[in-house]
Amino acid sequence: MQNLENHVTHNNLLDVSHFDMPVRSEVNPKILLKDINGVEQRTTMDNQVVVYRPDTMDILGRSRSKQYKIVEPTELYTAHAKKLLEQKDLPLSDVIVDDYIYEGGRKQKRTVTFPSLTKKIEKSEVAMRSDIFNSVDMSWMYQAFAGAYRNLCQNSLVFGGQRMYHIKQKHTKGLNVISTLKSVAKTFELFNENQELMDKMLKQEISLKTMAHILAGNICKKKESSKKLLDDTSISVNYKLLDYFIDRIEQESGNLGYTVWNLYNALTHWSTHIDDTFERLDDKGIAHEVKMTRAGSKIHTARTKREDRVREFMNSEDWQKLLANTYIFTALHPNIQERLN
């Protein structure tokens, strides 16, 4: 982790003054700017996206990607605070906020700790906390964490405790900050309301095959016409959606293991990240980026439909049996098995 340059501790979630600095991004700006050594330069920047401070004219970062999406620190941490404040049952009067800026504001981190929400980890009590990492110099990916842990570095190589939510994304147009912050807040809400259920899901291991089987028979099951149902009684599966869930689960397996909690997070991630994409292999083994929304879809409509489908799945007999540890795995459809090989 980068050396600490500036750090303040306070108790006001809405106080983001520590991150307050003007930031602007332009493609190939034709103005006088200063490089990291303070040397003034007027250049075409080789047709790059340049992030700079308009008050000091300091260059903060450069990228050749036109897809770069700047996330302004004050807007990010204000949105984070508001999402937490929306959760009525959280002990928001008892929080510790640590705000960090590195390298003159090029990188930032906010840690929010809930001293009254604790969890026993490795024979010690650890308070719940949330960390949000951001940068405007294109060096750090955007990351959001939630869980019970003692220490953490921005690339998560040093981690003491338990991760309950973690998202790591590049600063591109597909980055949906509000959705990730909503997931962070919901994680705390669930912990506060039902610690026993969360602990059970975190500890309850389940094989990827079993998850695929449950998904195929429920949320990934296609609705067929009456004629199709009469002609063919086998389950028709939305394999694009199933492949997406398997991809999400495998991505998080290093953090969350193959657990019911990982499956739950994959479902809620899909319901909130409407514009998400994933890589899918074709029959020749070539990876293609697949979008999870149809062109022209209205985000709010799609989100409502997905949330309804997740809610319906949570009320299904299979999900209830899974939570009760009475679910019996039978056999996978050959096409599903093929996707797991």
Foldseek 3Di string as FASTA:
>chain_A
DADFDDKDKDQDLLPQVVLDFDKDKDFQDQDWAAEPVRDTDGDSLVRWIWMAGPVRRYTLAIGRDPQFAADRRSVLSNLLSVLLVVLPLAPSNAKMWMWTAPPVNQKIKIKIWRVVAWDQWPNDTFTWMKMWIHGRHQPAWTKIWTDGWDDADRVRPDTGGATLDMDTHGRGPLDDSNLRSNVRNVSSSCCSVPVPLSVLQLPAADDLQQLLQLCQVALQFDDDDPVCCVVDVDTDGNVVVSLQLSVQLVVCCVRRNRTSSSSVVSLSSCLRSQFDWDWDQDPVRDTDIDTNDDPPDDSVVSSVVSVVRVVVSCPDPQNVCVSVVNHDDDDDDVVSVVSVD
